[in-house]
Amino acid sequence: MTGQGQPPAASGPVWPPFVLLGIGAGCISALQPLLLDLLRQSGKLDVAAMGLAATAEAAGMAIATTLAALRLPLAGLRTKALLALAAMVLANAGTVFAGAEAVVVLRFVNGAGSGILLWLLVGMLSRSDAPARIFAIYVTAQSVLALALSQAIAALVAPAFGHAGAYGLLVLLNLAMLVAVPRLADGFAGADAGSMGLPGPRALLVLLAMAAFLAGIMGLWVYLLPLLAASGHDAATAGMAVPVGIAGQIAGGLLAVFLASRLGAVTAWVCGIVLALAAIVLLVGAAGTLQMLLGAGLFGLVWIFVPPFQMPAVLGVDPTGRGAMLVGTAQLSGTVIGPLAAAPLVARLGVSAVSGLAAAWLALSLLMLMAARFGHRTFERTSS
């Protein structure tokens, strides 16, 4: 958004290094089923601890992004990026050698470093004259990188080197990201601008609906491989679901770009919830491989398709922009809550219970979205 008193737009050559760092930081969530399952196979984590490790990483991202937005000025950005990357290198290298408890801590540290880099990206986007176009490049490229890494890990790295090779590959990725740091703008005009404060109750409901949606998505995704195994699929077949799901993310990002100015924000979100529920049925209720892979692709598509419409949904009930400032916090909080709620349920009832929990989160998201919409005429809007 633009307006009086805002700093100059970040355009031209300013955005590429921020996007490159964001891509490297943001692609790890999509790889968690593979990475955490390798730690399980190595004996470092059991199935319940997988959820705790995923929760710790997502919590690190959410906490770092939120605190940075509230407390840190958008100045000295190269130093902050270097510190974040250093933390990620140490965390990923340490995961190779650490025990179960230390792995959870190290995943939190890696998440915190990723959160700082994502905060840099959001700060740049808030000052960009073309945020939708840049976001489309970011989300699509992130999914492409995640797909390439998942294929490399599953087909080449893991069979030869196990979890050590997979996390070693992440260290190499972090080191490669250093190339972007010298090219970063070291600060932006208006860097000391503070938080806009809390929004009204309708916007808070939409933010909670965001968190519930992402909780449903991430709570199932981190347990995808053991869930498919419990549904009767062999390891090789189940392993195909992760790259298919990431390919679905790429399609979801492209579809969101195409429909952004054509489809209302609430309509897109509701359609996404319906499709996500259908994907869950295909994943756990279908015996055939083709149906399962269709479910994985559809689940990945919805994961990336819906979030671009969530900020316009908040702006529809809160045009002041206060709610929009908290979109990142709401989305990341959902990725924390999902695995956190799933972990004790898995320990008590088994991994098959996560599909029902994910469906419940999605239904809750729909209910809160409709409650926020009730009686509000301007709620439906496009993302343009």
Protein backbone atom coordinates (compact mmCIF):
# COMPACT_ATOMS: atom_id res chain seq x y z
CA MET A 1 0.00 0.00 0.00
CA THR A 2 1.13 3.53 -0.55
CA GLY A 3 0.15 6.78 1.07
CA GLN A 4 1.31 10.06 2.43
CA GLY A 5 4.41 9.99 4.59
CA GLN A 6 5.50 6.56 3.43
CA PRO A 7 9.11 5.97 2.36
CA PRO A 8 10.18 5.72 -1.25
CA ALA A 9 9.36 2.47 -3.04
CA ALA A 10 11.91 -0.31 -3.30
CA SER A 11 12.00 -1.15 -6.99
CA GLY A 12 14.41 -1.88 -9.82
CA PRO A 13 17.50 -3.76 -8.68
CA VAL A 14 16.70 -3.50 -4.96
CA TRP A 15 14.46 -6.55 -4.60
CA PRO A 16 16.41 -9.55 -6.07
CA PRO A 17 18.81 -10.18 -3.14
CA PHE A 18 15.95 -9.96 -0.63
CA VAL A 19 13.95 -12.47 -2.66
CA LEU A 20 16.95 -14.81 -2.95
CA LEU A 21 17.42 -14.83 0.83
CA GLY A 22 13.69 -15.32 1.36
CA ILE A 23 13.61 -18.26 -1.05
CA GLY A 24 16.43 -20.03 0.77
CA ALA A 25 14.88 -19.33 4.17
CA GLY A 26 11.31 -20.22 3.27
CA CYS A 27 11.74 -23.49 1.38
CA ILE A 28 12.64 -25.58 4.45
CA SER A 29 9.04 -26.01 5.64
CA ALA A 30 8.16 -27.92 2.48
CA LEU A 31 11.15 -30.24 3.04
CA GLN A 32 10.32 -31.11 6.65
CA PRO A 33 8.62 -34.46 5.95
CA LEU A 34 11.78 -35.71 4.25
CA LEU A 35 14.25 -34.13 6.65
CA LEU A 36 12.48 -35.14 9.84
CA ASP A 37 11.82 -38.66 8.58
CA LEU A 38 15.55 -39.05 7.94
CA LEU A 39 16.18 -38.04 11.55
CA ARG A 40 13.61 -40.64 12.63
CA GLN A 41 15.27 -43.32 10.53
CA SER A 42 18.62 -42.46 12.08
CA GLY A 43 17.17 -42.93 15.58
CA LYS A 44 17.57 -39.28 16.59
CA LEU A 45 13.80 -38.64 16.77
CA ASP A 46 10.73 -40.77 17.32
CA VAL A 47 7.43 -40.00 15.59
CA ALA A 48 6.15 -37.73 18.39
CA ALA A 49 9.46 -35.83 18.55
CA MET A 50 9.17 -35.12 14.82
CA GLY A 51 6.23 -32.86 15.64
CA LEU A 52 8.17 -31.13 18.40
CA ALA A 53 11.12 -30.46 16.09
CA ALA A 54 8.81 -29.08 13.40
CA THR A 55 7.07 -26.94 16.02
CA ALA A 56 10.39 -25.60 17.32
CA GLU A 57 11.52 -24.58 13.83
CA ALA A 58 8.22 -22.89 13.03
CA ALA A 59 8.19 -21.20 16.46
CA GLY A 60 11.65 -19.81 15.84
CA MET A 61 10.46 -18.32 12.56
CA ALA A 62 7.30 -16.87 14.08
CA ILE A 63 8.99 -15.39 17.16
CA ALA A 64 11.91 -13.90 15.24
CA THR A 65 9.70 -12.40 12.54
CA THR A 66 7.29 -10.88 15.06
CA LEU A 67 9.94 -9.46 17.41
CA ALA A 68 11.93 -8.08 14.50
CA ALA A 69 8.85 -6.36 13.10
CA LEU A 70 8.08 -4.81 16.50
CA ARG A 71 11.56 -3.98 17.74
CA LEU A 72 14.18 -3.84 14.98
CA PRO A 73 14.66 -0.95 12.55
CA LEU A 74 15.11 -1.72 8.86
CA ALA A 75 18.72 -0.57 9.04
CA GLY A 76 22.03 -2.41 9.17
CA LEU A 77 20.40 -5.14 7.11
CA ARG A 78 23.60 -6.74 5.82
CA THR A 79 24.87 -7.37 9.34
CA LYS A 80 21.51 -8.81 10.38
CA ALA A 81 21.44 -11.08 7.34
CA LEU A 82 24.98 -12.30 8.07
CA LEU A 83 24.10 -13.10 11.69
CA ALA A 84 20.96 -14.95 10.59
CA LEU A 85 22.88 -17.03 8.04
CA ALA A 86 25.59 -17.81 10.60
CA ALA A 87 22.93 -19.11 12.99
CA MET A 88 21.43 -21.26 10.24
CA VAL A 89 24.79 -22.75 9.27
CA LEU A 90 25.56 -23.67 12.89
CA ALA A 91 22.07 -25.12 13.43
CA ASN A 92 22.07 -27.26 10.29
CA ALA A 93 25.62 -28.50 10.83
CA GLY A 94 24.89 -29.19 14.50
CA THR A 95 21.79 -31.23 13.67
CA VAL A 96 24.02 -33.85 12.04
CA PHE A 97 25.76 -34.61 15.34
CA ALA A 98 23.28 -33.63 18.08
CA GLY A 99 21.02 -35.82 20.19
CA ALA A 100 17.23 -35.62 20.25
CA GLU A 101 16.86 -32.75 22.75
CA ALA A 102 19.59 -30.70 21.11
CA VAL A 103 18.05 -31.27 17.67
CA VAL A 104 14.84 -29.57 18.82
CA VAL A 105 16.83 -26.57 20.08
CA LEU A 106 18.88 -26.37 16.90
CA ARG A 107 15.77 -26.46 14.73
CA PHE A 108 14.47 -23.49 16.75
CA VAL A 109 17.74 -21.63 16.06
CA ASN A 110 17.48 -22.38 12.35
CA GLY A 111 13.89 -21.17 12.36
CA ALA A 112 14.91 -17.92 14.08
CA GLY A 113 17.55 -17.25 11.43
CA SER A 114 15.02 -17.98 8.69
CA GLY A 115 12.52 -15.66 10.41
CA ILE A 116 14.97 -12.74 10.30
CA LEU A 117 15.53 -13.27 6.57
CA LEU A 118 11.79 -13.42 5.96
CA TRP A 119 11.39 -10.20 7.96
CA LEU A 120 13.89 -8.57 5.61
CA LEU A 121 11.79 -9.74 2.66
CA VAL A 122 8.57 -8.41 4.18
CA GLY A 123 10.24 -5.09 4.94
CA MET A 124 11.31 -4.75 1.33
CA LEU A 125 7.86 -5.75 0.04
CA SER A 126 6.21 -3.14 2.26
CA ARG A 127 8.26 -0.51 0.45
CA SER A 128 7.93 -1.97 -3.04
CA ASP A 129 5.96 -0.44 -5.87
CA ALA A 130 5.06 -3.91 -7.20
CA PRO A 131 4.61 -6.21 -4.16
CA ALA A 132 2.23 -8.65 -5.89
CA ARG A 133 4.58 -9.29 -8.78
CA ILE A 134 7.59 -9.72 -6.50
CA PHE A 135 5.65 -11.99 -4.15
CA ALA A 136 4.60 -14.14 -7.11
CA ILE A 137 8.24 -14.51 -8.16
CA TYR A 138 9.21 -15.36 -4.59
CA VAL A 139 6.57 -18.00 -3.88
CA THR A 140 6.97 -19.75 -7.22
CA ALA A 141 10.77 -19.78 -7.08
CA GLN A 142 10.65 -21.03 -3.51
CA SER A 143 8.50 -23.97 -4.53
CA VAL A 144 10.77 -24.75 -7.50
CA LEU A 145 13.82 -24.79 -5.19
CA ALA A 146 12.02 -26.96 -2.67
CA LEU A 147 11.06 -29.42 -5.43
CA ALA A 148 14.63 -29.58 -6.71
CA LEU A 149 16.03 -30.11 -3.20
CA SER A 150 13.44 -32.76 -2.35
CA GLN A 151 14.33 -34.69 -5.49
CA ALA A 152 18.04 -34.39 -4.81
CA ILE A 153 17.68 -35.48 -1.19
CA ALA A 154 15.32 -38.39 -1.89
CA ALA A 155 17.08 -39.75 -4.98
CA LEU A 156 20.74 -38.96 -4.42
CA VAL A 157 21.78 -37.55 -1.06
CA ALA A 158 19.77 -39.58 1.47
CA PRO A 159 20.45 -43.03 -0.04
CA ALA A 160 24.20 -42.35 -0.01
CA PHE A 161 24.70 -40.18 3.08
CA GLY A 162 21.50 -40.32 5.14
CA HIS A 163 20.49 -37.41 7.37
CA ALA A 164 24.08 -36.11 7.46
CA GLY A 165 24.03 -35.54 3.72
CA ALA A 166 20.62 -33.90 3.77
CA TYR A 167 21.51 -31.38 6.45
CA GLY A 168 24.94 -30.92 4.89
CA LEU A 169 23.14 -29.89 1.71
CA LEU A 170 21.27 -27.26 3.73
CA VAL A 171 24.59 -25.93 5.02
CA LEU A 172 25.78 -25.56 1.43
CA LEU A 173 22.54 -23.74 0.59
CA ASN A 174 23.08 -21.33 3.50
CA LEU A 175 26.64 -20.63 2.36
CA ALA A 176 25.44 -20.02 -1.20
CA MET A 177 22.95 -17.48 0.15
CA LEU A 178 25.89 -15.35 1.34
CA VAL A 179 26.27 -14.19 -2.27
CA ALA A 180 23.15 -12.05 -1.85
CA VAL A 181 24.29 -10.23 1.30
CA PRO A 182 26.69 -7.65 -0.24
CA ARG A 183 23.97 -6.72 -2.73
CA LEU A 184 21.36 -5.96 -0.06
CA ALA A 185 20.22 -2.41 0.46
CA ASP A 186 21.54 -1.77 3.96
CA GLY A 187 18.42 0.11 5.04
CA PHE A 188 15.24 1.86 3.97
CA ALA A 189 13.81 5.30 4.53
CA GLY A 190 11.45 5.32 7.49
CA ALA A 191 13.34 2.42 9.07
CA ASP A 192 12.35 3.49 12.58
CA ALA A 193 8.61 3.33 11.90
CA GLY A 194 6.84 1.43 14.65
CA SER A 195 3.95 -1.00 14.84
CA MET A 196 0.50 0.22 13.87
CA GLY A 197 -1.16 -1.45 16.85
CA LEU A 198 -3.87 -4.08 17.19
CA PRO A 199 -6.79 -4.25 14.74
CA GLY A 200 -10.48 -4.58 15.54
CA PRO A 201 -12.31 -7.82 16.42
CA ARG A 202 -13.29 -8.69 12.84
CA ALA A 203 -9.68 -8.49 11.67
CA LEU A 204 -8.57 -10.54 14.68
CA LEU A 205 -11.07 -13.23 13.68
CA VAL A 206 -9.65 -13.32 10.16
CA LEU A 207 -6.13 -13.55 11.57
CA LEU A 208 -7.20 -16.46 13.77
CA ALA A 209 -8.79 -18.09 10.73
CA MET A 210 -5.43 -17.77 8.97
CA ALA A 211 -3.67 -19.46 11.87
CA ALA A 212 -6.24 -22.28 11.90
CA PHE A 213 -5.88 -22.81 8.14
CA LEU A 214 -2.07 -23.09 8.32
CA ALA A 215 -2.33 -25.28 11.45
CA GLY A 216 -4.41 -27.74 9.46
CA ILE A 217 -1.98 -27.69 6.54
CA MET A 218 1.26 -27.96 8.51
CA GLY A 219 -0.07 -30.36 11.17
CA LEU A 220 -0.69 -32.94 8.47
CA TRP A 221 2.29 -32.14 6.24
CA VAL A 222 5.01 -32.86 8.82
CA TYR A 223 3.50 -36.33 9.39
CA LEU A 224 2.80 -37.04 5.72
CA LEU A 225 5.18 -39.97 5.24
CA PRO A 226 4.28 -41.94 8.40
CA LEU A 227 0.61 -41.14 7.74
CA LEU A 228 0.80 -42.64 4.27
CA ALA A 229 2.67 -45.65 5.64
CA ALA A 230 -0.14 -46.17 8.17
CA SER A 231 -2.60 -45.99 5.26
CA GLY A 232 -0.88 -48.96 3.60
CA HIS A 233 1.54 -47.34 1.15
CA ASP A 234 5.11 -48.67 0.99
CA ALA A 235 8.03 -46.34 1.65
CA ALA A 236 8.94 -45.84 -2.01
CA THR A 237 5.37 -44.97 -2.99
CA ALA A 238 4.87 -42.68 0.01
CA GLY A 239 8.14 -40.91 -0.77
CA MET A 240 6.74 -39.82 -4.13
CA ALA A 241 4.09 -37.75 -2.35
CA VAL A 242 6.51 -35.05 -1.16
CA PRO A 243 7.85 -33.97 -4.59
CA VAL A 244 4.32 -34.26 -6.03
CA GLY A 245 3.04 -32.03 -3.22
CA ILE A 246 5.78 -29.48 -3.85
CA ALA A 247 4.97 -29.53 -7.58
CA GLY A 248 1.39 -28.78 -6.53
CA GLN A 249 2.71 -25.76 -4.63
CA ILE A 250 4.26 -24.40 -7.81
CA ALA A 251 0.94 -24.81 -9.60
CA GLY A 252 -0.85 -23.16 -6.66
CA GLY A 253 1.43 -20.14 -6.78
CA LEU A 254 0.95 -19.69 -10.51
CA LEU A 255 -2.81 -20.14 -10.17
CA ALA A 256 -2.94 -17.50 -7.42
CA VAL A 257 -1.08 -15.04 -9.64
CA PHE A 258 -3.52 -15.67 -12.50
CA LEU A 259 -6.65 -15.38 -10.35
CA ALA A 260 -5.52 -12.61 -8.00
CA SER A 261 -7.43 -9.87 -9.81
CA ARG A 262 -10.28 -12.13 -10.89
CA LEU A 263 -11.38 -13.94 -7.75
CA GLY A 264 -12.60 -12.50 -4.46
CA ALA A 265 -10.39 -13.10 -1.44
CA VAL A 266 -13.03 -14.89 0.63
CA THR A 267 -14.24 -16.99 -2.32
CA ALA A 268 -10.67 -18.14 -2.99
CA TRP A 269 -10.13 -18.97 0.68
CA VAL A 270 -13.37 -20.95 1.00
CA CYS A 271 -12.67 -22.86 -2.21
CA GLY A 272 -9.21 -23.65 -0.87
CA ILE A 273 -10.62 -25.11 2.34
CA VAL A 274 -13.02 -27.32 0.38
CA LEU A 275 -10.21 -28.54 -1.86
CA ALA A 276 -7.96 -29.18 1.14
CA LEU A 277 -10.62 -31.37 2.75
CA ALA A 278 -10.96 -33.27 -0.53
CA ALA A 279 -7.18 -33.71 -0.63
CA ILE A 280 -7.17 -35.21 2.87
CA VAL A 281 -9.80 -37.76 1.81
CA LEU A 282 -7.70 -38.71 -1.20
CA LEU A 283 -4.53 -39.00 0.89
CA VAL A 284 -5.85 -41.28 3.62
CA GLY A 285 -9.03 -42.77 2.18
CA ALA A 286 -7.90 -43.95 -1.24
CA ALA A 287 -6.08 -47.25 -1.63
CA GLY A 288 -4.69 -46.47 -5.08
CA THR A 289 -1.36 -44.78 -5.66
CA LEU A 290 -2.75 -42.44 -8.31
CA GLN A 291 -5.48 -41.16 -5.98
CA MET A 292 -2.98 -40.67 -3.16
CA LEU A 293 -0.62 -38.70 -5.39
CA LEU A 294 -3.53 -36.62 -6.66
CA GLY A 295 -4.34 -35.83 -3.04
CA ALA A 296 -0.72 -34.84 -2.35
CA GLY A 297 -0.62 -32.54 -5.36
CA LEU A 298 -3.96 -30.96 -4.48
CA PHE A 299 -2.87 -30.46 -0.86
CA GLY A 300 0.32 -28.69 -1.99
CA LEU A 301 -1.64 -26.54 -4.44
CA VAL A 302 -4.04 -25.33 -1.75
CA TRP A 303 -1.19 -24.66 0.69
CA ILE A 304 0.32 -22.02 -1.60
CA PHE A 305 -2.85 -20.87 -3.38
CA VAL A 306 -4.76 -19.59 -0.34
CA PRO A 307 -2.22 -17.42 1.61
CA PRO A 308 -1.89 -14.71 -1.10
CA PHE A 309 -5.62 -14.03 -0.68
CA GLN A 310 -5.44 -13.76 3.11
CA MET A 311 -4.03 -10.24 3.33
CA PRO A 312 -6.78 -8.87 1.04
CA ALA A 313 -9.31 -10.65 3.29
CA VAL A 314 -7.95 -8.79 6.33
CA LEU A 315 -7.94 -5.49 4.48
CA GLY A 316 -11.57 -6.10 3.59
CA VAL A 317 -12.57 -5.84 7.26
CA ASP A 318 -9.76 -3.54 8.42
CA PRO A 319 -8.77 -0.96 5.79
CA THR A 320 -6.53 0.79 8.36
CA GLY A 321 -3.86 -1.84 7.65
CA ARG A 322 -3.36 -2.78 11.31
CA GLY A 323 -4.46 -6.35 10.67
CA ALA A 324 -2.29 -6.60 7.57
CA MET A 325 0.77 -5.89 9.72
CA LEU A 326 0.08 -9.13 11.60
CA VAL A 327 -0.52 -11.43 8.63
CA GLY A 328 2.99 -12.91 8.79
CA THR A 329 2.64 -13.57 12.52
CA ALA A 330 -0.74 -15.25 12.05
CA GLN A 331 0.47 -17.48 9.23
CA LEU A 332 3.66 -18.52 11.00
CA SER A 333 1.75 -19.09 14.25
CA GLY A 334 -0.44 -21.56 12.41
CA THR A 335 2.61 -23.51 11.30
CA VAL A 336 3.63 -23.72 14.98
CA ILE A 337 0.22 -24.64 16.39
CA GLY A 338 -0.44 -27.43 13.87
CA PRO A 339 2.51 -29.72 14.68
CA LEU A 340 2.34 -28.76 18.39
CA ALA A 341 -1.27 -29.91 18.66
CA ALA A 342 -0.61 -33.00 16.56
CA ALA A 343 2.36 -34.30 18.58
CA PRO A 344 0.45 -35.42 21.75
CA LEU A 345 -2.40 -36.74 19.62
CA VAL A 346 0.03 -38.91 17.65
CA ALA A 347 1.61 -40.16 20.86
CA ARG A 348 -1.79 -41.18 22.25
CA LEU A 349 -3.81 -42.29 19.22
CA GLY A 350 -1.26 -42.94 16.50
CA VAL A 351 -0.30 -41.03 13.38
CA SER A 352 -3.61 -41.69 11.62
CA ALA A 353 -5.29 -39.19 13.96
CA VAL A 354 -3.59 -36.21 12.29
CA SER A 355 -5.91 -36.37 9.28
CA GLY A 356 -8.99 -35.80 11.45
CA LEU A 357 -7.23 -33.03 13.36
CA ALA A 358 -6.24 -31.29 10.13
CA ALA A 359 -9.84 -31.44 8.90
CA ALA A 360 -11.02 -29.95 12.20
CA TRP A 361 -8.57 -27.03 11.90
CA LEU A 362 -9.77 -26.32 8.37
CA ALA A 363 -13.41 -26.41 9.46
CA LEU A 364 -12.60 -24.00 12.30
CA SER A 365 -10.90 -21.68 9.83
CA LEU A 366 -14.06 -21.66 7.70
CA LEU A 367 -16.30 -20.94 10.71
CA MET A 368 -14.18 -18.01 11.91
CA LEU A 369 -13.96 -16.62 8.39
CA MET A 370 -17.73 -16.71 8.02
CA ALA A 371 -18.19 -15.17 11.49
CA ALA A 372 -15.91 -12.27 10.54
CA ARG A 373 -17.75 -11.84 7.26
CA PHE A 374 -21.24 -11.81 8.81
CA GLY A 375 -22.85 -8.39 8.39
CA HIS A 376 -19.80 -6.81 6.75
CA ARG A 377 -20.49 -5.54 3.26
CA THR A 378 -16.94 -4.86 2.08
CA PHE A 379 -15.35 -8.07 3.26
CA GLU A 380 -15.16 -9.70 -0.19
CA ARG A 381 -12.38 -8.19 -2.25
CA THR A 382 -9.71 -9.23 -4.69
CA SER A 383 -6.00 -9.17 -3.99
CA SER A 384 -5.25 -6.50 -6.58
